[in-house]
Amino acid sequence: MTLVVLRRLACTGAGSRGRDARTFFTLPTLGGLSLQKQYRDSLAFPFSREQVFQVVSDVDRYCEFVPMCVGSKVLQDSLRTDHVLSMNPETHRAESISRRCVQAELVVGYPPFNERYTS
């Protein structure tokens, strides 16, 4: 499995914040000089998709290995069944698809500055 990593360094000037940027404070504008930097790298990831999914789905343990995560917990974990129509014009039958729905809270920061996210 190959993982492509794209990181934006937290050097964003005032007025140049994109929709995906979130900062605690804003740096002054330096005469239109863009402070945004990007880093792109590609590497072979020595784990299977199943192994990666096991780590990502274990939300309760995020604070053990996610940097600056000071707390994580699952608030709700349920199985949802959706009924969808088949896209095959010959059958036009309804199919049931089961999906796992998880609502979790993540606390990120460096004490005393922490933020809570629920998703």
PDB file of N, CA and C in Angstrom:
ATOM      1  N   MET A   1       0.845  -1.169   0.000  1.00  0.00           N
ATOM      2  CA  MET A   1       0.000   0.000   0.000  1.00  0.00           C
ATOM      3  C   MET A   1       0.893   1.236   0.000  1.00  0.00           C
ATOM      4  N   THR A   2       0.596   2.195  -0.866  1.00  0.00           N
ATOM      5  CA  THR A   2       1.376   3.428  -0.933  1.00  0.00           C
ATOM      6  C   THR A   2       0.567   4.557  -0.330  1.00  0.00           C
ATOM      7  N   LEU A   3       1.187   5.307   0.530  1.00  0.00           N
ATOM      8  CA  LEU A   3       0.544   6.421   1.213  1.00  0.00           C
ATOM      9  C   LEU A   3       1.174   7.714   0.726  1.00  0.00           C
ATOM     10  N   VAL A   4       0.346   8.645   0.246  1.00  0.00           N
ATOM     11  CA  VAL A   4       0.844   9.938  -0.178  1.00  0.00           C
ATOM     12  C   VAL A   4       0.564  10.924   0.943  1.00  0.00           C
ATOM     13  N   VAL A   5       1.598  11.603   1.388  1.00  0.00           N
ATOM     14  CA  VAL A   5       1.483  12.542   2.497  1.00  0.00           C
ATOM     15  C   VAL A   5       1.575  13.953   1.956  1.00  0.00           C
ATOM     16  N   LEU A   6       0.598  14.788   2.269  1.00  0.00           N
ATOM     17  CA  LEU A   6       0.615  16.187   1.880  1.00  0.00           C
ATOM     18  C   LEU A   6       0.391  16.996   3.140  1.00  0.00           C
ATOM     19  N   ARG A   7       1.384  17.772   3.527  1.00  0.00           N
ATOM     20  CA  ARG A   7       1.299  18.548   4.758  1.00  0.00           C
ATOM     21  C   ARG A   7       1.399  20.025   4.429  1.00  0.00           C
ATOM     22  N   ARG A   8       0.614  20.818   5.124  1.00  0.00           N
ATOM     23  CA  ARG A   8       0.742  22.262   5.051  1.00  0.00           C
ATOM     24  C   ARG A   8       1.339  22.711   6.358  1.00  0.00           C
ATOM     25  N   LEU A   9       2.420  23.421   6.264  1.00  0.00           N
ATOM     26  CA  LEU A   9       3.055  23.933   7.466  1.00  0.00           C
ATOM     27  C   LEU A   9       2.242  25.110   7.987  1.00  0.00           C
ATOM     28  N   ALA A  10       2.165  25.261   9.286  1.00  0.00           N
ATOM     29  CA  ALA A  10       1.321  26.289   9.907  1.00  0.00           C
ATOM     30  C   ALA A  10       1.963  27.665   9.833  1.00  0.00           C
ATOM     31  N   CYS A  11       2.167  28.164   8.611  1.00  0.00           N
ATOM     32  CA  CYS A  11       2.736  29.491   8.399  1.00  0.00           C
ATOM     33  C   CYS A  11       1.811  30.216   7.437  1.00  0.00           C
ATOM     34  N   THR A  12       0.704  30.701   7.920  1.00  0.00           N
ATOM     35  CA  THR A  12      -0.270  31.320   7.051  1.00  0.00           C
ATOM     36  C   THR A  12      -0.435  32.771   7.439  1.00  0.00           C
ATOM     37  N   GLY A  13      -0.285  33.671   6.504  1.00  0.00           N
ATOM     38  CA  GLY A  13      -0.443  35.094   6.770  1.00  0.00           C
ATOM     39  C   GLY A  13      -1.906  35.496   6.776  1.00  0.00           C
ATOM     40  N   ALA A  14      -2.202  36.677   7.307  1.00  0.00           N
ATOM     41  CA  ALA A  14      -3.567  37.184   7.367  1.00  0.00           C
ATOM     42  C   ALA A  14      -4.114  37.339   5.956  1.00  0.00           C
ATOM     43  N   GLY A  15      -5.349  36.976   5.754  1.00  0.00           N
ATOM     44  CA  GLY A  15      -5.988  37.115   4.456  1.00  0.00           C
ATOM     45  C   GLY A  15      -5.680  35.970   3.510  1.00  0.00           C
ATOM     46  N   SER A  16      -4.755  35.092   3.847  1.00  0.00           N
ATOM     47  CA  SER A  16      -4.434  33.983   2.945  1.00  0.00           C
ATOM     48  C   SER A  16      -4.925  32.654   3.494  1.00  0.00           C
ATOM     49  N   ARG A  17      -5.758  32.712   4.539  1.00  0.00           N
ATOM     50  CA  ARG A  17      -6.279  31.473   5.120  1.00  0.00           C
ATOM     51  C   ARG A  17      -7.288  30.841   4.177  1.00  0.00           C
ATOM     52  N   GLY A  18      -7.160  29.550   3.932  1.00  0.00           N
ATOM     53  CA  GLY A  18      -8.112  28.823   3.116  1.00  0.00           C
ATOM     54  C   GLY A  18      -9.229  28.285   3.994  1.00  0.00           C
ATOM     55  N   ARG A  19     -10.171  27.623   3.383  1.00  0.00           N
ATOM     56  CA  ARG A  19     -11.288  27.075   4.149  1.00  0.00           C
ATOM     57  C   ARG A  19     -10.839  25.957   5.074  1.00  0.00           C
ATOM     58  N   ASP A  20      -9.748  25.264   4.731  1.00  0.00           N
ATOM     59  CA  ASP A  20      -9.283  24.157   5.550  1.00  0.00           C
ATOM     60  C   ASP A  20      -8.320  24.607   6.640  1.00  0.00           C
ATOM     61  N   ALA A  21      -8.030  25.902   6.724  1.00  0.00           N
ATOM     62  CA  ALA A  21      -7.083  26.399   7.723  1.00  0.00           C
ATOM     63  C   ALA A  21      -7.830  26.827   8.978  1.00  0.00           C
ATOM     64  N   ARG A  22      -7.245  26.530  10.115  1.00  0.00           N
ATOM     65  CA  ARG A  22      -7.802  26.960  11.393  1.00  0.00           C
ATOM     66  C   ARG A  22      -6.645  27.307  12.292  1.00  0.00           C
ATOM     67  N   THR A  23      -6.621  28.530  12.779  1.00  0.00           N
ATOM     68  CA  THR A  23      -5.509  28.962  13.594  1.00  0.00           C
ATOM     69  C   THR A  23      -6.014  29.566  14.892  1.00  0.00           C
ATOM     70  N   PHE A  24      -5.161  29.603  15.902  1.00  0.00           N
ATOM     71  CA  PHE A  24      -5.484  30.241  17.165  1.00  0.00           C
ATOM     72  C   PHE A  24      -5.218  31.745  17.092  1.00  0.00           C
ATOM     73  N   PHE A  25      -4.291  32.155  16.232  1.00  0.00           N
ATOM     74  CA  PHE A  25      -3.970  33.554  16.060  1.00  0.00           C
ATOM     75  C   PHE A  25      -3.564  33.767  14.609  1.00  0.00           C
ATOM     76  N   THR A  26      -3.544  35.027  14.186  1.00  0.00           N
ATOM     77  CA  THR A  26      -3.231  35.365  12.803  1.00  0.00           C
ATOM     78  C   THR A  26      -1.944  36.180  12.757  1.00  0.00           C
ATOM     79  N   LEU A  27      -1.062  35.809  11.846  1.00  0.00           N
ATOM     80  CA  LEU A  27       0.180  36.561  11.657  1.00  0.00           C
ATOM     81  C   LEU A  27      -0.101  37.797  10.805  1.00  0.00           C
ATOM     82  N   PRO A  28       0.667  38.855  10.948  1.00  0.00           N
ATOM     83  CA  PRO A  28       0.434  40.062  10.140  1.00  0.00           C
ATOM     84  C   PRO A  28       0.800  39.822   8.679  1.00  0.00           C
ATOM     85  N   THR A  29       0.153  40.585   7.807  1.00  0.00           N
ATOM     86  CA  THR A  29       0.464  40.520   6.383  1.00  0.00           C
ATOM     87  C   THR A  29       1.812  41.186   6.143  1.00  0.00           C
ATOM     88  N   LEU A  30       2.656  40.536   5.356  1.00  0.00           N
ATOM     89  CA  LEU A  30       3.999  41.053   5.100  1.00  0.00           C
ATOM     90  C   LEU A  30       4.118  41.484   3.644  1.00  0.00           C
ATOM     91  N   GLY A  31       3.353  42.505   3.266  1.00  0.00           N
ATOM     92  CA  GLY A  31       3.442  43.056   1.915  1.00  0.00           C
ATOM     93  C   GLY A  31       3.076  42.067   0.829  1.00  0.00           C
ATOM     94  N   GLY A  32       2.077  41.227   1.059  1.00  0.00           N
ATOM     95  CA  GLY A  32       1.633  40.264   0.055  1.00  0.00           C
ATOM     96  C   GLY A  32       2.502  39.025  -0.031  1.00  0.00           C
ATOM     97  N   LEU A  33       3.495  38.901   0.816  1.00  0.00           N
ATOM     98  CA  LEU A  33       4.377  37.745   0.823  1.00  0.00           C
ATOM     99  C   LEU A  33       3.614  36.536   1.339  1.00  0.00           C
ATOM    100  N   SER A  34       3.582  35.470   0.579  1.00  0.00           N
ATOM    101  CA  SER A  34       2.876  34.262   0.988  1.00  0.00           C
ATOM    102  C   SER A  34       3.774  33.434   1.911  1.00  0.00           C
ATOM    103  N   LEU A  35       3.253  33.113   3.073  1.00  0.00           N
ATOM    104  CA  LEU A  35       4.008  32.314   4.036  1.00  0.00           C
ATOM    105  C   LEU A  35       3.600  30.853   4.013  1.00  0.00           C
ATOM    106  N   GLN A  36       2.700  30.506   3.118  1.00  0.00           N
ATOM    107  CA  GLN A  36       2.207  29.137   3.069  1.00  0.00           C
ATOM    108  C   GLN A  36       3.226  28.237   2.376  1.00  0.00           C
ATOM    109  N   LYS A  37       3.551  27.124   3.011  1.00  0.00           N
ATOM    110  CA  LYS A  37       4.510  26.173   2.452  1.00  0.00           C
ATOM    111  C   LYS A  37       3.860  24.797   2.404  1.00  0.00           C
ATOM    112  N   GLN A  38       4.251  24.013   1.439  1.00  0.00           N
ATOM    113  CA  GLN A  38       3.725  22.656   1.321  1.00  0.00           C
ATOM    114  C   GLN A  38       4.874  21.668   1.253  1.00  0.00           C
ATOM    115  N   TYR A  39       4.602  20.469   1.726  1.00  0.00           N
ATOM    116  CA  TYR A  39       5.558  19.381   1.688  1.00  0.00           C
ATOM    117  C   TYR A  39       4.832  18.168   1.148  1.00  0.00           C
ATOM    118  N   ARG A  40       5.374  17.527   0.148  1.00  0.00           N
ATOM    119  CA  ARG A  40       4.731  16.356  -0.438  1.00  0.00           C
ATOM    120  C   ARG A  40       5.741  15.225  -0.484  1.00  0.00           C
ATOM    121  N   ASP A  41       5.284  14.047  -0.068  1.00  0.00           N
ATOM    122  CA  ASP A  41       6.163  12.891  -0.035  1.00  0.00           C
ATOM    123  C   ASP A  41       5.334  11.651  -0.312  1.00  0.00           C
ATOM    124  N   SER A  42       5.929  10.654  -0.857  1.00  0.00           N
ATOM    125  CA  SER A  42       5.265   9.382  -1.128  1.00  0.00           C
ATOM    126  C   SER A  42       6.128   8.277  -0.551  1.00  0.00           C
ATOM    127  N   LEU A  43       5.479   7.322   0.111  1.00  0.00           N
ATOM    128  CA  LEU A  43       6.253   6.245   0.704  1.00  0.00           C
ATOM    129  C   LEU A  43       5.452   4.951   0.701  1.00  0.00           C
ATOM    130  N   ALA A  44       6.155   3.850   0.733  1.00  0.00           N
ATOM    131  CA  ALA A  44       5.503   2.544   0.818  1.00  0.00           C
ATOM    132  C   ALA A  44       5.136   2.301   2.274  1.00  0.00           C
ATOM    133  N   PHE A  45       3.882   2.000   2.510  1.00  0.00           N
ATOM    134  CA  PHE A  45       3.375   1.794   3.859  1.00  0.00           C
ATOM    135  C   PHE A  45       3.380   0.292   4.125  1.00  0.00           C
ATOM    136  N   PRO A  46       4.140  -0.190   5.102  1.00  0.00           N
ATOM    137  CA  PRO A  46       4.328  -1.627   5.280  1.00  0.00           C
ATOM    138  C   PRO A  46       3.191  -2.342   6.026  1.00  0.00           C
ATOM    139  N   PHE A  47       1.956  -1.814   5.938  1.00  0.00           N
ATOM    140  CA  PHE A  47       0.839  -2.431   6.628  1.00  0.00           C
ATOM    141  C   PHE A  47      -0.305  -2.653   5.655  1.00  0.00           C
ATOM    142  N   SER A  48      -1.124  -3.652   5.914  1.00  0.00           N
ATOM    143  CA  SER A  48      -2.278  -3.923   5.059  1.00  0.00           C
ATOM    144  C   SER A  48      -3.394  -2.930   5.369  1.00  0.00           C
ATOM    145  N   ARG A  49      -4.371  -2.845   4.477  1.00  0.00           N
ATOM    146  CA  ARG A  49      -5.516  -1.962   4.704  1.00  0.00           C
ATOM    147  C   ARG A  49      -6.272  -2.366   5.964  1.00  0.00           C
ATOM    148  N   GLU A  50      -6.376  -3.654   6.210  1.00  0.00           N
ATOM    149  CA  GLU A  50      -7.079  -4.138   7.397  1.00  0.00           C
ATOM    150  C   GLU A  50      -6.371  -3.697   8.681  1.00  0.00           C
ATOM    151  N   GLN A  51      -5.043  -3.747   8.682  1.00  0.00           N
ATOM    152  CA  GLN A  51      -4.286  -3.319   9.856  1.00  0.00           C
ATOM    153  C   GLN A  51      -4.454  -1.816  10.092  1.00  0.00           C
ATOM    154  N   VAL A  52      -4.422  -1.031   9.027  1.00  0.00           N
ATOM    155  CA  VAL A  52      -4.598   0.414   9.148  1.00  0.00           C
ATOM    156  C   VAL A  52      -6.005   0.716   9.649  1.00  0.00           C
ATOM    157  N   PHE A  53      -7.008   0.010   9.129  1.00  0.00           N
ATOM    158  CA  PHE A  53      -8.388   0.231   9.576  1.00  0.00           C
ATOM    159  C   PHE A  53      -8.541  -0.083  11.061  1.00  0.00           C
ATOM    160  N   GLN A  54      -7.905  -1.130  11.544  1.00  0.00           N
ATOM    161  CA  GLN A  54      -7.985  -1.472  12.962  1.00  0.00           C
ATOM    162  C   GLN A  54      -7.451  -0.343  13.840  1.00  0.00           C
ATOM    163  N   VAL A  55      -6.356   0.271  13.422  1.00  0.00           N
ATOM    164  CA  VAL A  55      -5.782   1.371  14.203  1.00  0.00           C
ATOM    165  C   VAL A  55      -6.686   2.596  14.144  1.00  0.00           C
ATOM    166  N   VAL A  56      -7.151   2.946  12.940  1.00  0.00           N
ATOM    167  CA  VAL A  56      -7.973   4.140  12.771  1.00  0.00           C
ATOM    168  C   VAL A  56      -9.323   3.997  13.476  1.00  0.00           C
ATOM    169  N   SER A  57      -9.891   2.818  13.488  1.00  0.00           N
ATOM    170  CA  SER A  57     -11.210   2.634  14.099  1.00  0.00           C
ATOM    171  C   SER A  57     -11.169   2.507  15.618  1.00  0.00           C
ATOM    172  N   ASP A  58      -9.999   2.410  16.216  1.00  0.00           N
ATOM    173  CA  ASP A  58      -9.872   2.293  17.670  1.00  0.00           C
ATOM    174  C   ASP A  58      -9.758   3.690  18.298  1.00  0.00           C
ATOM    175  N   VAL A  59     -10.846   4.447  18.227  1.00  0.00           N
ATOM    176  CA  VAL A  59     -10.868   5.846  18.653  1.00  0.00           C
ATOM    177  C   VAL A  59     -10.502   6.001  20.129  1.00  0.00           C
ATOM    178  N   ASP A  60     -10.937   5.077  20.959  1.00  0.00           N
ATOM    179  CA  ASP A  60     -10.670   5.191  22.401  1.00  0.00           C
ATOM    180  C   ASP A  60      -9.181   5.233  22.729  1.00  0.00           C
ATOM    181  N   ARG A  61      -8.328   4.748  21.836  1.00  0.00           N
ATOM    182  CA  ARG A  61      -6.890   4.706  22.102  1.00  0.00           C
ATOM    183  C   ARG A  61      -6.105   5.794  21.377  1.00  0.00           C
ATOM    184  N   TYR A  62      -6.784   6.730  20.691  1.00  0.00           N
ATOM    185  CA  TYR A  62      -6.098   7.791  19.953  1.00  0.00           C
ATOM    186  C   TYR A  62      -5.107   8.552  20.822  1.00  0.00           C
ATOM    187  N   CYS A  63      -5.486   8.828  22.067  1.00  0.00           N
ATOM    188  CA  CYS A  63      -4.601   9.637  22.921  1.00  0.00           C
ATOM    189  C   CYS A  63      -3.288   8.919  23.224  1.00  0.00           C
ATOM    190  N   GLU A  64      -3.191   7.632  22.911  1.00  0.00           N
ATOM    191  CA  GLU A  64      -1.947   6.888  23.121  1.00  0.00           C
ATOM    192  C   GLU A  64      -0.943   7.092  21.989  1.00  0.00           C
ATOM    193  N   PHE A  65      -1.422   7.471  20.787  1.00  0.00           N
ATOM    194  CA  PHE A  65      -0.487   7.552  19.663  1.00  0.00           C
ATOM    195  C   PHE A  65      -0.683   8.751  18.733  1.00  0.00           C
ATOM    196  N   VAL A  66      -1.736   9.536  18.900  1.00  0.00           N
ATOM    197  CA  VAL A  66      -1.935  10.720  18.066  1.00  0.00           C
ATOM    198  C   VAL A  66      -1.296  11.919  18.769  1.00  0.00           C
ATOM    199  N   PRO A  67      -0.369  12.608  18.101  1.00  0.00           N
ATOM    200  CA  PRO A  67       0.303  13.758  18.736  1.00  0.00           C
ATOM    201  C   PRO A  67      -0.692  14.826  19.168  1.00  0.00           C
ATOM    202  N   MET A  68      -0.475  15.372  20.337  1.00  0.00           N
ATOM    203  CA  MET A  68      -1.268  16.445  20.937  1.00  0.00           C
ATOM    204  C   MET A  68      -2.715  16.056  21.232  1.00  0.00           C
ATOM    205  N   CYS A  69      -3.040  14.782  21.165  1.00  0.00           N
ATOM    206  CA  CYS A  69      -4.373  14.312  21.543  1.00  0.00           C
ATOM    207  C   CYS A  69      -4.324  13.991  23.033  1.00  0.00           C
ATOM    208  N   VAL A  70      -5.097  14.724  23.818  1.00  0.00           N
ATOM    209  CA  VAL A  70      -5.072  14.516  25.264  1.00  0.00           C
ATOM    210  C   VAL A  70      -6.286  13.726  25.755  1.00  0.00           C
ATOM    211  N   GLY A  71      -7.210  13.416  24.869  1.00  0.00           N
ATOM    212  CA  GLY A  71      -8.366  12.614  25.256  1.00  0.00           C
ATOM    213  C   GLY A  71      -9.169  12.199  24.047  1.00  0.00           C
ATOM    214  N   SER A  72      -9.737  11.006  24.100  1.00  0.00           N
ATOM    215  CA  SER A  72     -10.590  10.519  23.026  1.00  0.00           C
ATOM    216  C   SER A  72     -11.547   9.485  23.589  1.00  0.00           C
ATOM    217  N   LYS A  73     -12.809   9.562  23.159  1.00  0.00           N
ATOM    218  CA  LYS A  73     -13.771   8.558  23.605  1.00  0.00           C
ATOM    219  C   LYS A  73     -14.906   8.451  22.600  1.00  0.00           C
ATOM    220  N   VAL A  74     -15.447   7.244  22.488  1.00  0.00           N
ATOM    221  CA  VAL A  74     -16.586   6.992  21.626  1.00  0.00           C
ATOM    222  C   VAL A  74     -17.844   7.344  22.411  1.00  0.00           C
ATOM    223  N   LEU A  75     -18.666   8.226  21.851  1.00  0.00           N
ATOM    224  CA  LEU A  75     -19.903   8.626  22.502  1.00  0.00           C
ATOM    225  C   LEU A  75     -21.059   7.720  22.110  1.00  0.00           C
ATOM    226  N   GLN A  76     -21.071   7.287  20.843  1.00  0.00           N
ATOM    227  CA  GLN A  76     -22.146   6.434  20.343  1.00  0.00           C
ATOM    228  C   GLN A  76     -21.591   5.548  19.241  1.00  0.00           C
ATOM    229  N   ASP A  77     -21.931   4.281  19.287  1.00  0.00           N
ATOM    230  CA  ASP A  77     -21.489   3.313  18.279  1.00  0.00           C
ATOM    231  C   ASP A  77     -22.701   2.469  17.908  1.00  0.00           C
ATOM    232  N   SER A  78     -23.150   2.584  16.656  1.00  0.00           N
ATOM    233  CA  SER A  78     -24.362   1.867  16.260  1.00  0.00           C
ATOM    234  C   SER A  78     -24.227   1.344  14.835  1.00  0.00           C
ATOM    235  N   LEU A  79     -25.108   0.422  14.500  1.00  0.00           N
ATOM    236  CA  LEU A  79     -25.165  -0.143  13.159  1.00  0.00           C
ATOM    237  C   LEU A  79     -26.419   0.400  12.491  1.00  0.00           C
ATOM    238  N   ARG A  80     -26.265   1.023  11.331  1.00  0.00           N
ATOM    239  CA  ARG A  80     -27.391   1.622  10.617  1.00  0.00           C
ATOM    240  C   ARG A  80     -27.609   0.855   9.320  1.00  0.00           C
ATOM    241  N   THR A  81     -28.878   0.564   9.020  1.00  0.00           N
ATOM    242  CA  THR A  81     -29.217  -0.128   7.786  1.00  0.00           C
ATOM    243  C   THR A  81     -29.930   0.840   6.851  1.00  0.00           C
ATOM    244  N   ASP A  82     -29.395   1.003   5.655  1.00  0.00           N
ATOM    245  CA  ASP A  82     -29.999   1.852   4.635  1.00  0.00           C
ATOM    246  C   ASP A  82     -30.557   0.971   3.528  1.00  0.00           C
ATOM    247  N   HIS A  83     -31.681   1.378   2.969  1.00  0.00           N
ATOM    248  CA  HIS A  83     -32.280   0.660   1.851  1.00  0.00           C
ATOM    249  C   HIS A  83     -32.076   1.494   0.596  1.00  0.00           C
ATOM    250  N   VAL A  84     -31.441   0.906  -0.401  1.00  0.00           N
ATOM    251  CA  VAL A  84     -31.153   1.617  -1.644  1.00  0.00           C
ATOM    252  C   VAL A  84     -31.682   0.821  -2.820  1.00  0.00           C
ATOM    253  N   LEU A  85     -32.000   1.517  -3.900  1.00  0.00           N
ATOM    254  CA  LEU A  85     -32.441   0.850  -5.116  1.00  0.00           C
ATOM    255  C   LEU A  85     -31.233   0.455  -5.940  1.00  0.00           C
ATOM    256  N   SER A  86     -31.306  -0.716  -6.548  1.00  0.00           N
ATOM    257  CA  SER A  86     -30.230  -1.193  -7.398  1.00  0.00           C
ATOM    258  C   SER A  86     -30.147  -0.317  -8.649  1.00  0.00           C
ATOM    259  N   MET A  87     -28.938  -0.063  -9.106  1.00  0.00           N
ATOM    260  CA  MET A  87     -28.751   0.739 -10.308  1.00  0.00           C
ATOM    261  C   MET A  87     -28.909  -0.095 -11.581  1.00  0.00           C
ATOM    262  N   ASN A  88     -29.054  -1.400 -11.435  1.00  0.00           N
ATOM    263  CA  ASN A  88     -29.233  -2.281 -12.581  1.00  0.00           C
ATOM    264  C   ASN A  88     -30.660  -2.125 -13.107  1.00  0.00           C
ATOM    265  N   PRO A  89     -30.857  -1.639 -14.354  1.00  0.00           N
ATOM    266  CA  PRO A  89     -32.213  -1.402 -14.872  1.00  0.00           C
ATOM    267  C   PRO A  89     -33.043  -2.679 -15.023  1.00  0.00           C
ATOM    268  N   GLU A  90     -32.400  -3.844 -15.055  1.00  0.00           N
ATOM    269  CA  GLU A  90     -33.139  -5.097 -15.225  1.00  0.00           C
ATOM    270  C   GLU A  90     -33.759  -5.576 -13.916  1.00  0.00           C
ATOM    271  N   THR A  91     -33.153  -5.247 -12.785  1.00  0.00           N
ATOM    272  CA  THR A  91     -33.653  -5.773 -11.510  1.00  0.00           C
ATOM    273  C   THR A  91     -34.515  -4.774 -10.743  1.00  0.00           C
ATOM    274  N   HIS A  92     -34.109  -3.524 -10.672  1.00  0.00           N
ATOM    275  CA  HIS A  92     -34.830  -2.486  -9.914  1.00  0.00           C
ATOM    276  C   HIS A  92     -35.308  -2.988  -8.563  1.00  0.00           C
ATOM    277  N   ARG A  93     -34.430  -3.598  -7.822  1.00  0.00           N
ATOM    278  CA  ARG A  93     -34.827  -4.113  -6.504  1.00  0.00           C
ATOM    279  C   ARG A  93     -34.124  -3.314  -5.411  1.00  0.00           C
ATOM    280  N   ALA A  94     -34.719  -3.344  -4.245  1.00  0.00           N
ATOM    281  CA  ALA A  94     -34.142  -2.646  -3.100  1.00  0.00           C
ATOM    282  C   ALA A  94     -33.112  -3.551  -2.428  1.00  0.00           C
ATOM    283  N   GLU A  95     -32.013  -2.971  -2.025  1.00  0.00           N
ATOM    284  CA  GLU A  95     -30.983  -3.704  -1.312  1.00  0.00           C
ATOM    285  C   GLU A  95     -30.746  -3.031   0.029  1.00  0.00           C
ATOM    286  N   SER A  96     -30.353  -3.824   1.008  1.00  0.00           N
ATOM    287  CA  SER A  96     -30.044  -3.280   2.324  1.00  0.00           C
ATOM    288  C   SER A  96     -28.532  -3.219   2.499  1.00  0.00           C
ATOM    289  N   ILE A  97     -28.062  -2.087   2.984  1.00  0.00           N
ATOM    290  CA  ILE A  97     -26.635  -1.904   3.245  1.00  0.00           C
ATOM    291  C   ILE A  97     -26.485  -1.520   4.707  1.00  0.00           C
ATOM    292  N   SER A  98     -25.677  -2.283   5.440  1.00  0.00           N
ATOM    293  CA  SER A  98     -25.435  -1.978   6.850  1.00  0.00           C
ATOM    294  C   SER A  98     -24.143  -1.182   6.977  1.00  0.00           C
ATOM    295  N   ARG A  99     -24.196  -0.125   7.794  1.00  0.00           N
ATOM    296  CA  ARG A  99     -23.034   0.730   8.010  1.00  0.00           C
ATOM    297  C   ARG A  99     -22.845   0.966   9.497  1.00  0.00           C
ATOM    298  N   ARG A 100     -21.606   0.995   9.911  1.00  0.00           N
ATOM    299  CA  ARG A 100     -21.285   1.306  11.297  1.00  0.00           C
ATOM    300  C   ARG A 100     -21.191   2.820  11.437  1.00  0.00           C
ATOM    301  N   CYS A 101     -21.928   3.375  12.374  1.00  0.00           N
ATOM    302  CA  CYS A 101     -21.917   4.822  12.624  1.00  0.00           C
ATOM    303  C   CYS A 101     -21.326   5.066  14.009  1.00  0.00           C
ATOM    304  N   VAL A 102     -20.284   5.871  14.056  1.00  0.00           N
ATOM    305  CA  VAL A 102     -19.598   6.151  15.316  1.00  0.00           C
ATOM    306  C   VAL A 102     -19.575   7.656  15.534  1.00  0.00           C
ATOM    307  N   GLN A 103     -19.978   8.082  16.722  1.00  0.00           N
ATOM    308  CA  GLN A 103     -19.829   9.474  17.109  1.00  0.00           C
ATOM    309  C   GLN A 103     -18.800   9.503  18.224  1.00  0.00           C
ATOM    310  N   ALA A 104     -17.770  10.332  18.062  1.00  0.00           N
ATOM    311  CA  ALA A 104     -16.667  10.347  19.020  1.00  0.00           C
ATOM    312  C   ALA A 104     -16.279  11.773  19.364  1.00  0.00           C
ATOM    313  N   GLU A 105     -15.643  11.910  20.517  1.00  0.00           N
ATOM    314  CA  GLU A 105     -15.133  13.204  20.960  1.00  0.00           C
ATOM    315  C   GLU A 105     -13.616  13.105  21.060  1.00  0.00           C
ATOM    316  N   LEU A 106     -12.946  14.122  20.536  1.00  0.00           N
ATOM    317  CA  LEU A 106     -11.498  14.166  20.554  1.00  0.00           C
ATOM    318  C   LEU A 106     -11.074  15.478  21.207  1.00  0.00           C
ATOM    319  N   VAL A 107     -10.162  15.400  22.168  1.00  0.00           N
ATOM    320  CA  VAL A 107      -9.636  16.592  22.833  1.00  0.00           C
ATOM    321  C   VAL A 107      -8.189  16.751  22.369  1.00  0.00           C
ATOM    322  N   VAL A 108      -7.905  17.894  21.730  1.00  0.00           N
ATOM    323  CA  VAL A 108      -6.594  18.143  21.146  1.00  0.00           C
ATOM    324  C   VAL A 108      -6.027  19.418  21.746  1.00  0.00           C
ATOM    325  N   GLY A 109      -4.739  19.423  22.023  1.00  0.00           N
ATOM    326  CA  GLY A 109      -4.117  20.652  22.509  1.00  0.00           C
ATOM    327  C   GLY A 109      -2.892  20.379  23.338  1.00  0.00           C
ATOM    328  N   TYR A 110      -2.457  21.443  23.956  1.00  0.00           N
ATOM    329  CA  TYR A 110      -1.337  21.383  24.870  1.00  0.00           C
ATOM    330  C   TYR A 110      -1.777  22.171  26.093  1.00  0.00           C
ATOM    331  N   PRO A 111      -2.012  21.472  27.204  1.00  0.00           N
ATOM    332  CA  PRO A 111      -2.575  22.153  28.392  1.00  0.00           C
ATOM    333  C   PRO A 111      -1.804  23.412  28.722  1.00  0.00           C
ATOM    334  N   PRO A 112      -2.483  24.489  29.022  1.00  0.00           N
ATOM    335  CA  PRO A 112      -3.906  24.619  29.337  1.00  0.00           C
ATOM    336  C   PRO A 112      -4.786  24.907  28.123  1.00  0.00           C
ATOM    337  N   PHE A 113      -4.253  24.877  26.898  1.00  0.00           N
ATOM    338  CA  PHE A 113      -5.031  25.173  25.699  1.00  0.00           C
ATOM    339  C   PHE A 113      -5.510  23.883  25.054  1.00  0.00           C
ATOM    340  N   ASN A 114      -6.771  23.559  25.236  1.00  0.00           N
ATOM    341  CA  ASN A 114      -7.360  22.354  24.664  1.00  0.00           C
ATOM    342  C   ASN A 114      -8.620  22.717  23.885  1.00  0.00           C
ATOM    343  N   GLU A 115      -8.899  21.952  22.847  1.00  0.00           N
ATOM    344  CA  GLU A 115     -10.138  22.108  22.086  1.00  0.00           C
ATOM    345  C   GLU A 115     -10.789  20.752  21.951  1.00  0.00           C
ATOM    346  N   ARG A 116     -12.114  20.743  21.997  1.00  0.00           N
ATOM    347  CA  ARG A 116     -12.902  19.509  21.866  1.00  0.00           C
ATOM    348  C   ARG A 116     -13.567  19.475  20.497  1.00  0.00           C
ATOM    349  N   TYR A 117     -13.524  18.325  19.856  1.00  0.00           N
ATOM    350  CA  TYR A 117     -14.167  18.116  18.573  1.00  0.00           C
ATOM    351  C   TYR A 117     -15.081  16.901  18.698  1.00  0.00           C
ATOM    352  N   THR A 118     -16.283  17.028  18.194  1.00  0.00           N
ATOM    353  CA  THR A 118     -17.202  15.890  18.145  1.00  0.00           C
ATOM    354  C   THR A 118     -17.528  15.640  16.683  1.00  0.00           C
ATOM    355  N   SER A 119     -17.394  14.407  16.281  1.00  0.00           N
ATOM    356  CA  SER A 119     -17.648  14.057  14.895  1.00  0.00           C
ATOM    357  C   SER A 119     -18.239  12.673  14.827  1.00  0.00           C
TER     358      SER A 119
END
